[in-house]
N, C-alpha and C. Protein backbone atom coordinates (compact mmCIF):
# COMPACT_ATOMS: atom_id res chain seq x y z
N UNK A 1 76.11 43.38 -54.04
CA UNK A 1 75.67 41.87 -53.68
C UNK A 1 74.23 41.86 -53.44
N UNK A 2 73.45 41.03 -54.21
CA UNK A 2 72.12 40.69 -53.90
C UNK A 2 71.90 39.25 -53.99
N UNK A 3 70.98 38.68 -53.08
CA UNK A 3 70.57 37.22 -52.96
C UNK A 3 69.24 37.30 -53.01
N UNK A 4 68.48 36.38 -53.80
CA UNK A 4 66.93 36.45 -53.91
C UNK A 4 66.63 34.88 -53.89
N UNK A 5 65.41 34.69 -53.06
CA UNK A 5 64.79 33.33 -53.02
C UNK A 5 63.46 33.50 -53.50
N UNK A 6 62.91 32.79 -54.43
CA UNK A 6 61.66 32.81 -54.70
C UNK A 6 60.80 31.55 -54.84
N UNK A 7 59.61 31.60 -54.05
CA UNK A 7 58.87 30.22 -53.78
C UNK A 7 57.49 30.62 -54.37
N UNK A 8 57.14 29.70 -55.29
CA UNK A 8 55.64 29.71 -55.73
C UNK A 8 54.91 28.50 -55.52
N UNK A 9 53.78 28.62 -54.92
CA UNK A 9 52.95 27.48 -54.75
C UNK A 9 51.53 27.77 -55.16
N UNK A 10 50.54 26.93 -54.95
CA UNK A 10 49.37 26.97 -55.50
C UNK A 10 48.72 28.34 -55.22
N UNK A 11 48.69 28.61 -53.90
CA UNK A 11 48.18 29.92 -53.34
C UNK A 11 49.03 30.92 -52.74
N UNK A 12 50.34 30.57 -52.97
CA UNK A 12 51.25 31.50 -52.43
C UNK A 12 52.42 31.81 -53.16
N UNK A 13 52.66 32.92 -53.27
CA UNK A 13 54.19 33.45 -53.87
C UNK A 13 54.82 34.15 -52.99
N UNK A 14 55.98 33.85 -52.77
CA UNK A 14 56.89 34.41 -51.83
C UNK A 14 58.24 34.75 -52.42
N UNK A 15 58.69 36.11 -52.06
CA UNK A 15 60.25 36.57 -52.46
C UNK A 15 60.81 37.05 -51.14
N UNK A 16 62.17 36.63 -51.12
CA UNK A 16 63.00 37.02 -50.00
C UNK A 16 64.26 37.41 -50.70
N UNK A 17 64.57 38.68 -50.30
CA UNK A 17 65.95 39.22 -50.69
C UNK A 17 66.68 39.74 -49.69
N UNK A 18 67.94 39.67 -49.98
CA UNK A 18 69.01 40.40 -49.00
C UNK A 18 70.17 41.02 -49.99
N UNK A 19 70.56 42.12 -49.56
CA UNK A 19 71.50 42.99 -50.29
C UNK A 19 72.60 43.75 -49.61
N UNK A 20 73.70 43.85 -50.16
CA UNK A 20 74.67 44.68 -49.41
C UNK A 20 75.33 45.34 -50.30
N UNK A 21 75.61 46.75 -50.21
CA UNK A 21 76.36 47.58 -51.20
C UNK A 21 77.45 48.63 -50.57
N UNK A 22 78.43 48.59 -51.11
CA UNK A 22 79.48 49.53 -50.53
C UNK A 22 79.88 50.53 -51.38
N UNK A 23 79.82 51.79 -51.59
CA UNK A 23 80.31 52.79 -52.45
C UNK A 23 81.48 53.55 -51.65
N UNK A 24 82.45 53.92 -52.53
CA UNK A 24 83.52 54.60 -51.76
C UNK A 24 84.14 55.67 -52.69
N UNK A 25 84.63 56.60 -52.00
CA UNK A 25 85.41 57.70 -52.65
C UNK A 25 84.59 58.57 -53.63
N UNK A 26 83.37 58.72 -53.07
CA UNK A 26 82.24 59.81 -53.96
C UNK A 26 82.77 61.15 -53.55
N UNK A 27 82.17 62.29 -54.19
CA UNK A 27 82.36 63.54 -54.13
C UNK A 27 81.07 64.13 -54.09
N UNK A 28 80.85 65.21 -53.23
CA UNK A 28 79.67 65.86 -53.28
C UNK A 28 80.15 67.54 -53.06
N UNK A 29 79.34 68.25 -53.83
CA UNK A 29 79.49 69.57 -53.87
C UNK A 29 78.34 70.43 -53.35
N UNK A 30 78.37 71.25 -52.38
CA UNK A 30 77.40 71.87 -51.61
C UNK A 30 77.59 73.73 -51.88
N UNK A 31 76.57 74.17 -52.21
CA UNK A 31 76.53 75.57 -52.35
C UNK A 31 75.56 76.22 -51.22
N UNK A 32 76.11 77.18 -50.48
CA UNK A 32 75.38 77.70 -49.41
C UNK A 32 76.14 79.10 -49.08
N UNK A 33 75.36 79.68 -48.12
CA UNK A 33 75.76 80.95 -47.43
C UNK A 33 76.49 80.58 -46.01
N UNK A 34 77.74 80.91 -45.97
CA UNK A 34 78.63 80.52 -44.80
C UNK A 34 78.62 81.78 -43.82
N UNK A 35 77.91 81.43 -42.63
CA UNK A 35 77.66 82.50 -41.68
C UNK A 35 78.85 82.88 -40.97
N UNK A 36 79.72 81.85 -40.72
CA UNK A 36 81.04 82.07 -40.03
C UNK A 36 81.81 82.88 -41.05
N UNK A 37 81.90 82.72 -42.30
CA UNK A 37 82.79 83.64 -43.23
C UNK A 37 82.12 84.64 -43.89
N UNK A 38 80.69 84.65 -43.55
CA UNK A 38 79.88 85.79 -44.02
C UNK A 38 80.08 85.88 -45.56
N UNK A 39 80.06 84.77 -46.40
CA UNK A 39 80.22 84.69 -47.84
C UNK A 39 79.37 83.65 -48.33
N UNK A 40 78.92 83.64 -49.70
CA UNK A 40 78.46 82.60 -50.29
C UNK A 40 79.65 81.67 -50.74
N UNK A 41 79.46 80.38 -50.51
CA UNK A 41 80.49 79.49 -50.64
C UNK A 41 80.29 78.29 -51.09
N UNK A 42 81.14 77.61 -51.69
CA UNK A 42 81.08 76.15 -52.31
C UNK A 42 81.97 75.30 -51.54
N UNK A 43 81.37 74.12 -51.05
CA UNK A 43 82.04 73.15 -50.27
C UNK A 43 82.26 71.80 -51.10
N UNK A 44 83.30 71.47 -50.89
CA UNK A 44 83.75 70.13 -51.81
C UNK A 44 84.04 69.23 -50.84
N UNK A 45 83.36 68.00 -50.80
CA UNK A 45 83.59 66.87 -49.67
C UNK A 45 84.01 65.81 -50.82
N UNK A 46 85.14 65.02 -50.44
CA UNK A 46 85.67 64.05 -51.21
C UNK A 46 86.03 62.85 -50.12
N UNK A 47 85.99 61.71 -50.90
CA UNK A 47 86.32 60.49 -49.92
C UNK A 47 85.09 59.96 -49.13
N UNK A 48 83.73 60.04 -49.75
CA UNK A 48 82.64 59.74 -48.96
C UNK A 48 82.35 58.27 -49.42
N UNK A 49 82.38 57.58 -48.33
CA UNK A 49 82.08 56.14 -48.32
C UNK A 49 80.68 56.02 -47.88
N UNK A 50 79.83 55.09 -48.61
CA UNK A 50 78.71 54.68 -47.88
C UNK A 50 78.25 53.33 -47.95
N UNK A 51 77.81 52.91 -46.99
CA UNK A 51 77.28 51.27 -46.87
C UNK A 51 75.77 51.22 -46.68
N UNK A 52 75.18 50.19 -47.50
CA UNK A 52 73.74 49.84 -47.39
C UNK A 52 73.63 48.35 -47.32
N UNK A 53 72.72 47.98 -46.49
CA UNK A 53 72.47 46.52 -46.52
C UNK A 53 70.86 46.27 -45.85
N UNK A 54 70.25 45.12 -46.30
CA UNK A 54 69.03 45.08 -45.76
C UNK A 54 68.42 43.83 -46.23
N UNK A 55 67.22 43.59 -45.88
CA UNK A 55 66.42 42.30 -46.25
C UNK A 55 64.94 42.83 -46.52
N UNK A 56 64.19 42.16 -47.62
CA UNK A 56 63.16 42.50 -48.07
C UNK A 56 62.30 41.15 -48.08
N UNK A 57 61.08 41.11 -47.79
CA UNK A 57 60.25 39.89 -48.14
C UNK A 57 59.06 40.42 -48.53
N UNK A 58 58.28 39.64 -49.49
CA UNK A 58 56.87 40.00 -50.26
C UNK A 58 56.42 38.67 -50.37
N UNK A 59 55.08 38.72 -50.09
CA UNK A 59 54.18 37.51 -50.18
C UNK A 59 52.91 38.08 -50.96
N UNK A 60 52.22 37.00 -51.72
CA UNK A 60 50.81 37.27 -52.05
C UNK A 60 50.23 35.99 -51.90
N UNK A 61 49.19 35.83 -51.02
CA UNK A 61 48.37 34.83 -50.70
C UNK A 61 46.99 34.94 -51.27
N UNK A 62 46.71 33.88 -52.06
CA UNK A 62 45.35 33.83 -52.64
C UNK A 62 44.30 33.20 -51.55
N UNK A 63 43.60 33.90 -50.81
CA UNK A 63 42.95 33.34 -49.66
C UNK A 63 41.70 32.43 -50.22
N UNK A 64 41.17 33.05 -51.42
CA UNK A 64 39.98 32.30 -52.01
C UNK A 64 39.99 32.85 -53.55
N UNK A 65 39.12 32.46 -54.37
CA UNK A 65 38.97 32.90 -55.68
C UNK A 65 38.74 34.43 -55.86
N UNK A 66 38.31 34.94 -54.66
CA UNK A 66 37.92 36.36 -54.55
C UNK A 66 38.80 37.22 -53.86
N UNK A 67 39.36 36.84 -52.90
CA UNK A 67 40.09 37.46 -51.89
C UNK A 67 41.48 37.07 -51.99
N UNK A 68 42.56 38.05 -52.07
CA UNK A 68 43.76 38.01 -51.99
C UNK A 68 44.59 38.96 -50.99
N UNK A 69 45.61 38.52 -50.33
CA UNK A 69 46.33 39.44 -49.38
C UNK A 69 47.80 39.36 -49.60
N UNK A 70 48.19 40.67 -49.80
CA UNK A 70 49.68 40.97 -50.13
C UNK A 70 50.47 41.56 -48.97
N UNK A 71 51.49 41.02 -48.60
CA UNK A 71 52.43 41.61 -47.51
C UNK A 71 53.73 41.86 -48.08
N UNK A 72 54.41 42.88 -47.37
CA UNK A 72 55.79 43.26 -47.68
C UNK A 72 56.40 43.87 -46.67
N UNK A 73 57.65 43.63 -46.44
CA UNK A 73 58.30 44.43 -45.45
C UNK A 73 59.65 44.24 -45.71
N UNK A 74 60.42 45.37 -45.21
CA UNK A 74 61.97 45.74 -45.73
C UNK A 74 62.60 46.33 -44.49
N UNK A 75 63.60 45.91 -44.06
CA UNK A 75 64.54 46.31 -42.87
C UNK A 75 65.89 46.73 -43.73
N UNK A 76 66.38 47.97 -43.59
CA UNK A 76 67.54 48.39 -44.22
C UNK A 76 68.34 49.25 -43.11
N UNK A 77 69.67 49.36 -43.55
CA UNK A 77 70.58 50.32 -42.85
C UNK A 77 71.33 50.93 -43.98
N UNK A 78 71.51 52.17 -43.91
CA UNK A 78 72.39 52.93 -44.83
C UNK A 78 73.26 54.08 -43.95
N UNK A 79 74.44 53.77 -44.04
CA UNK A 79 75.30 54.69 -42.99
C UNK A 79 76.74 55.18 -43.89
N UNK A 80 77.05 56.30 -43.45
CA UNK A 80 78.09 56.79 -43.87
C UNK A 80 79.36 55.91 -43.33
N UNK A 81 80.42 55.65 -44.15
CA UNK A 81 81.49 54.68 -43.65
C UNK A 81 82.81 55.50 -43.66
N UNK A 82 82.76 56.80 -43.91
CA UNK A 82 84.05 57.54 -43.74
C UNK A 82 83.78 58.99 -43.27
N UNK A 83 84.97 59.51 -42.89
CA UNK A 83 84.77 61.24 -42.49
C UNK A 83 85.42 61.93 -43.93
N UNK A 84 84.57 62.45 -44.57
CA UNK A 84 85.41 62.93 -45.85
C UNK A 84 86.05 64.22 -45.54
N UNK A 85 87.13 64.32 -46.64
CA UNK A 85 87.81 65.65 -46.69
C UNK A 85 86.92 66.80 -47.18
N UNK A 86 87.30 67.96 -46.48
CA UNK A 86 86.44 69.07 -47.02
C UNK A 86 87.48 70.29 -47.32
N UNK A 87 86.87 70.90 -48.38
CA UNK A 87 87.45 72.30 -48.87
C UNK A 87 86.35 73.14 -49.30
N UNK A 88 86.59 74.21 -48.57
CA UNK A 88 85.52 75.41 -48.90
C UNK A 88 86.09 76.54 -49.37
N UNK A 89 85.45 77.08 -50.43
CA UNK A 89 86.04 78.31 -51.31
C UNK A 89 84.84 79.38 -51.04
N UNK A 90 85.25 80.48 -51.51
CA UNK A 90 84.42 81.70 -51.64
C UNK A 90 83.90 81.53 -52.85
N UNK A 91 82.39 81.58 -52.90
CA UNK A 91 81.80 81.49 -54.38
C UNK A 91 82.17 82.46 -55.44
N UNK A 92 82.43 83.69 -55.03
CA UNK A 92 82.65 84.70 -55.91
C UNK A 92 84.01 84.48 -56.34
N UNK A 93 84.97 84.56 -55.52
CA UNK A 93 86.56 84.52 -55.92
C UNK A 93 87.27 83.23 -56.11
N UNK A 94 86.65 82.18 -55.59
CA UNK A 94 87.02 80.85 -55.45
C UNK A 94 88.29 80.70 -54.68
N UNK A 95 88.45 81.53 -53.96
CA UNK A 95 89.79 81.58 -52.95
C UNK A 95 89.36 80.61 -51.92
N UNK A 96 90.16 79.57 -51.59
CA UNK A 96 89.80 78.76 -50.39
C UNK A 96 90.06 79.36 -49.08
N UNK A 97 89.16 79.05 -48.28
CA UNK A 97 89.42 79.44 -46.80
C UNK A 97 89.32 78.21 -45.85
N UNK A 98 89.00 76.87 -46.21
CA UNK A 98 89.08 75.89 -45.58
C UNK A 98 89.72 74.77 -46.40
N UNK A 99 90.75 74.30 -46.08
CA UNK A 99 91.41 73.23 -46.92
C UNK A 99 91.85 72.18 -46.01
N UNK A 100 91.62 70.81 -46.48
CA UNK A 100 91.89 69.62 -45.99
C UNK A 100 91.48 69.38 -44.34
N UNK A 101 90.39 69.94 -44.21
CA UNK A 101 89.59 69.71 -42.99
C UNK A 101 88.77 68.37 -43.08
N UNK A 102 88.11 67.90 -42.11
CA UNK A 102 87.35 66.73 -41.91
C UNK A 102 86.19 67.03 -41.61
N UNK A 103 84.91 66.16 -42.16
CA UNK A 103 83.62 66.32 -41.76
C UNK A 103 83.35 65.13 -41.09
N UNK A 104 83.10 64.97 -39.86
CA UNK A 104 82.98 63.78 -39.11
C UNK A 104 81.58 63.05 -39.33
N UNK A 105 81.45 62.36 -40.32
CA UNK A 105 79.94 61.75 -40.83
C UNK A 105 80.14 60.24 -40.69
N UNK A 106 81.25 59.55 -40.25
CA UNK A 106 81.16 58.13 -40.19
C UNK A 106 80.18 57.72 -39.16
N UNK A 107 79.51 56.66 -39.52
CA UNK A 107 78.48 56.25 -38.52
C UNK A 107 77.21 56.86 -38.70
N UNK A 108 77.09 58.09 -39.21
CA UNK A 108 75.79 58.86 -39.33
C UNK A 108 74.80 58.05 -40.33
N UNK A 109 73.55 58.16 -40.20
CA UNK A 109 72.58 57.36 -40.99
C UNK A 109 72.49 58.21 -42.19
N UNK A 110 72.10 57.50 -43.47
CA UNK A 110 72.07 58.28 -44.72
C UNK A 110 70.35 58.64 -44.65
N UNK A 111 70.19 59.83 -44.89
CA UNK A 111 68.78 60.31 -44.95
C UNK A 111 68.07 60.13 -46.34
N UNK A 112 66.88 60.49 -46.45
CA UNK A 112 66.21 60.51 -47.58
C UNK A 112 64.98 59.41 -47.91
N UNK A 113 65.23 58.07 -47.09
CA UNK A 113 64.23 57.24 -47.20
C UNK A 113 64.25 56.33 -45.94
N UNK A 114 62.81 55.71 -45.86
CA UNK A 114 62.75 55.19 -44.58
C UNK A 114 63.64 53.74 -44.63
N UNK A 115 64.18 53.38 -43.38
CA UNK A 115 64.93 52.28 -43.32
C UNK A 115 64.07 50.86 -42.86
N UNK A 116 62.89 51.29 -42.32
CA UNK A 116 61.93 49.94 -42.02
C UNK A 116 60.62 50.31 -42.84
N UNK A 117 60.03 49.22 -43.65
CA UNK A 117 58.74 49.70 -44.29
C UNK A 117 57.82 48.42 -44.11
N UNK A 118 56.56 48.55 -44.00
CA UNK A 118 55.78 47.48 -43.79
C UNK A 118 54.56 47.79 -44.76
N UNK A 119 54.05 46.83 -45.58
CA UNK A 119 52.74 47.29 -46.30
C UNK A 119 51.93 45.90 -46.17
N UNK A 120 50.60 46.23 -46.32
CA UNK A 120 49.55 45.17 -46.38
C UNK A 120 48.47 45.49 -47.30
N UNK A 121 48.12 44.69 -48.05
CA UNK A 121 46.99 45.07 -49.02
C UNK A 121 45.88 43.80 -49.05
N UNK A 122 44.52 44.13 -49.01
CA UNK A 122 43.52 43.27 -49.06
C UNK A 122 42.80 43.41 -50.48
N UNK A 123 42.68 42.62 -51.37
CA UNK A 123 42.04 42.52 -52.38
C UNK A 123 40.76 41.73 -52.53
N UNK A 124 39.62 42.33 -53.02
CA UNK A 124 38.50 41.70 -53.24
C UNK A 124 37.93 41.70 -54.57
N UNK A 125 37.88 40.89 -55.57
CA UNK A 125 37.52 40.94 -56.85
C UNK A 125 36.37 40.03 -57.15
N UNK A 126 35.27 40.73 -57.58
CA UNK A 126 34.08 40.03 -58.19
C UNK A 126 33.51 40.51 -59.34
N UNK A 127 33.16 39.72 -60.20
CA UNK A 127 32.33 40.05 -61.60
C UNK A 127 32.79 41.24 -61.92
N UNK A 128 34.17 41.54 -62.18
CA UNK A 128 34.62 42.86 -62.66
C UNK A 128 34.97 44.10 -61.81
N UNK A 129 34.63 43.87 -60.56
CA UNK A 129 34.50 44.81 -59.63
C UNK A 129 35.99 44.53 -58.69
N UNK A 130 36.82 45.43 -58.39
CA UNK A 130 37.91 45.22 -57.41
C UNK A 130 37.82 46.39 -56.46
N UNK A 131 38.08 45.79 -55.27
CA UNK A 131 38.05 46.79 -54.18
C UNK A 131 39.45 46.27 -53.44
N UNK A 132 40.19 47.28 -53.11
CA UNK A 132 41.50 47.04 -52.35
C UNK A 132 41.56 47.96 -51.20
N UNK A 133 42.08 47.58 -50.05
CA UNK A 133 42.55 48.23 -48.81
C UNK A 133 43.87 48.08 -48.58
N UNK A 134 44.61 49.26 -48.53
CA UNK A 134 46.08 49.22 -48.44
C UNK A 134 46.59 49.99 -47.19
N UNK A 135 47.47 49.33 -46.36
CA UNK A 135 47.92 50.16 -45.19
C UNK A 135 49.69 50.11 -45.51
N UNK A 136 50.03 51.17 -45.24
CA UNK A 136 51.69 51.34 -45.41
C UNK A 136 52.34 51.92 -44.34
N UNK A 137 53.38 51.48 -43.76
CA UNK A 137 54.02 52.11 -42.64
C UNK A 137 55.41 52.39 -42.87
N UNK A 138 55.86 53.45 -42.60
CA UNK A 138 57.36 53.90 -42.63
C UNK A 138 58.15 54.14 -41.36
N UNK A 139 59.11 53.73 -41.03
CA UNK A 139 59.79 54.24 -39.74
C UNK A 139 61.28 54.39 -40.14
N UNK A 140 62.04 54.71 -39.11
CA UNK A 140 63.54 54.92 -38.94
C UNK A 140 63.94 55.77 -40.33
N UNK A 141 63.18 56.97 -40.35
CA UNK A 141 63.54 58.02 -41.31
C UNK A 141 64.47 59.07 -40.65
N UNK A 142 65.62 59.57 -41.30
CA UNK A 142 66.43 60.48 -40.60
C UNK A 142 66.73 61.48 -41.69
N UNK A 143 66.91 62.66 -41.19
CA UNK A 143 67.23 63.95 -41.83
C UNK A 143 68.68 63.70 -42.32
N UNK A 144 69.12 64.25 -43.51
CA UNK A 144 70.45 64.01 -44.16
C UNK A 144 71.28 64.82 -43.24
N UNK A 145 72.40 64.22 -42.72
CA UNK A 145 73.33 65.05 -41.95
C UNK A 145 74.09 66.09 -42.60
N UNK A 146 74.32 67.29 -42.20
CA UNK A 146 74.88 68.28 -42.76
C UNK A 146 76.40 68.29 -42.55
N UNK A 147 77.16 68.16 -43.50
CA UNK A 147 78.75 68.00 -43.25
C UNK A 147 79.41 69.25 -42.62
N UNK A 148 78.77 70.20 -42.93
CA UNK A 148 79.40 71.53 -42.37
C UNK A 148 79.33 71.74 -40.78
N UNK A 149 78.11 71.01 -40.28
CA UNK A 149 77.98 71.13 -38.77
C UNK A 149 78.84 69.90 -38.13
N UNK A 150 79.66 69.12 -38.96
CA UNK A 150 80.37 68.21 -38.25
C UNK A 150 81.74 68.39 -38.58
N UNK A 151 82.31 69.61 -38.56
CA UNK A 151 83.51 69.87 -38.93
C UNK A 151 84.05 70.68 -37.59
N UNK A 152 85.45 70.77 -37.51
CA UNK A 152 86.19 71.16 -36.27
C UNK A 152 85.83 72.73 -36.06
N UNK A 153 85.59 73.40 -37.23
CA UNK A 153 85.00 74.82 -37.00
C UNK A 153 83.83 74.99 -36.45
N UNK A 154 82.94 74.23 -36.70
CA UNK A 154 81.61 74.17 -36.00
C UNK A 154 81.78 73.82 -34.41
N UNK A 155 82.62 72.95 -34.08
CA UNK A 155 83.08 72.38 -32.77
C UNK A 155 83.57 73.64 -32.08
N UNK A 156 84.48 74.35 -32.59
CA UNK A 156 84.97 75.41 -31.86
C UNK A 156 84.03 76.68 -31.65
N UNK A 157 83.08 76.81 -32.40
CA UNK A 157 81.92 77.68 -32.15
C UNK A 157 80.90 77.11 -31.07
N UNK A 158 80.75 76.01 -30.92
CA UNK A 158 79.68 75.56 -29.98
C UNK A 158 79.90 75.75 -28.36
N UNK A 159 81.35 75.90 -28.14
CA UNK A 159 81.50 76.38 -26.82
C UNK A 159 81.82 75.17 -25.91
N UNK A 160 81.28 74.15 -26.14
CA UNK A 160 81.46 73.03 -25.26
C UNK A 160 81.19 71.76 -25.65
N UNK A 161 81.52 70.64 -25.24
CA UNK A 161 81.51 69.10 -25.93
C UNK A 161 80.08 68.97 -26.01
N UNK A 162 79.34 69.25 -24.90
CA UNK A 162 77.86 68.88 -24.76
C UNK A 162 77.00 69.78 -25.82
N UNK A 163 77.36 70.99 -25.87
CA UNK A 163 76.62 71.79 -26.83
C UNK A 163 76.85 71.18 -28.39
N UNK A 164 78.17 70.82 -28.60
CA UNK A 164 78.56 70.32 -29.94
C UNK A 164 77.61 69.01 -30.27
N UNK A 165 77.57 68.28 -29.26
CA UNK A 165 76.52 67.08 -29.35
C UNK A 165 75.26 67.19 -29.76
N UNK A 166 74.66 68.31 -29.21
CA UNK A 166 73.48 68.68 -29.35
C UNK A 166 73.37 69.32 -30.89
N UNK A 167 74.41 69.86 -31.31
CA UNK A 167 74.33 70.54 -32.56
C UNK A 167 74.36 69.38 -33.70
N UNK A 168 75.05 68.42 -33.48
CA UNK A 168 75.28 67.46 -34.25
C UNK A 168 74.40 66.29 -34.39
N UNK A 169 73.56 66.24 -33.31
CA UNK A 169 72.56 65.06 -33.08
C UNK A 169 71.72 64.97 -34.41
N UNK A 170 71.60 63.75 -35.07
CA UNK A 170 70.94 63.41 -36.17
C UNK A 170 69.41 63.34 -35.86
N UNK A 171 68.63 64.13 -36.49
CA UNK A 171 67.25 64.23 -36.25
C UNK A 171 66.47 63.07 -36.99
N UNK A 172 65.63 62.39 -36.10
CA UNK A 172 64.96 61.31 -36.68
C UNK A 172 63.37 61.71 -36.87
N UNK A 173 62.89 61.49 -38.27
CA UNK A 173 61.56 61.98 -38.42
C UNK A 173 60.58 60.87 -37.92
N UNK A 174 59.63 61.36 -37.38
CA UNK A 174 58.40 60.45 -36.80
C UNK A 174 57.97 59.38 -38.00
N UNK A 175 57.66 58.37 -37.21
CA UNK A 175 57.02 57.21 -38.12
C UNK A 175 55.80 57.57 -38.59
N UNK A 176 55.38 57.10 -39.77
CA UNK A 176 54.03 57.43 -40.50
C UNK A 176 53.60 56.31 -41.19
N UNK A 177 52.19 56.30 -41.24
CA UNK A 177 51.39 55.30 -42.02
C UNK A 177 50.16 56.01 -42.92
N UNK A 178 49.98 55.17 -43.78
CA UNK A 178 48.99 55.56 -44.84
C UNK A 178 48.02 54.61 -45.03
């Protein structure tokens, strides 16, 4: 679902957008070396639900015939909406050694992109010469959670509830600007 509003005036162009997306029952395959099993392994995670929603606003303001200002902002949220079912097999023999387990992913943030973005651009255009100054800011970026670390078998190795919480804490990447 997406909703857009666009306004155009003499010196102002404005766009406001809101969106919501829910995807369900996805599947992912991970290949890795399983330290617990001491074998190269394939993990099949199924029943993955993801929820995305956010708002975006962009404006272009013609300050004068030579100066213009562009502004944009986006605030989003992306989270896992389920705890997927997990099966793990030995890569060489395809013999399963984990069947029907759960990876506790529900509520964790989706990684891979910032969830808050701000941008400002100042342009000066005179006699064919263009000068542009741009600043971009990104925040609320997270490392993609590892489904293997959020399974009961990882909890059993952690030794305590506190140690397991430290183990599954989702890392936030520092904010950045350019």
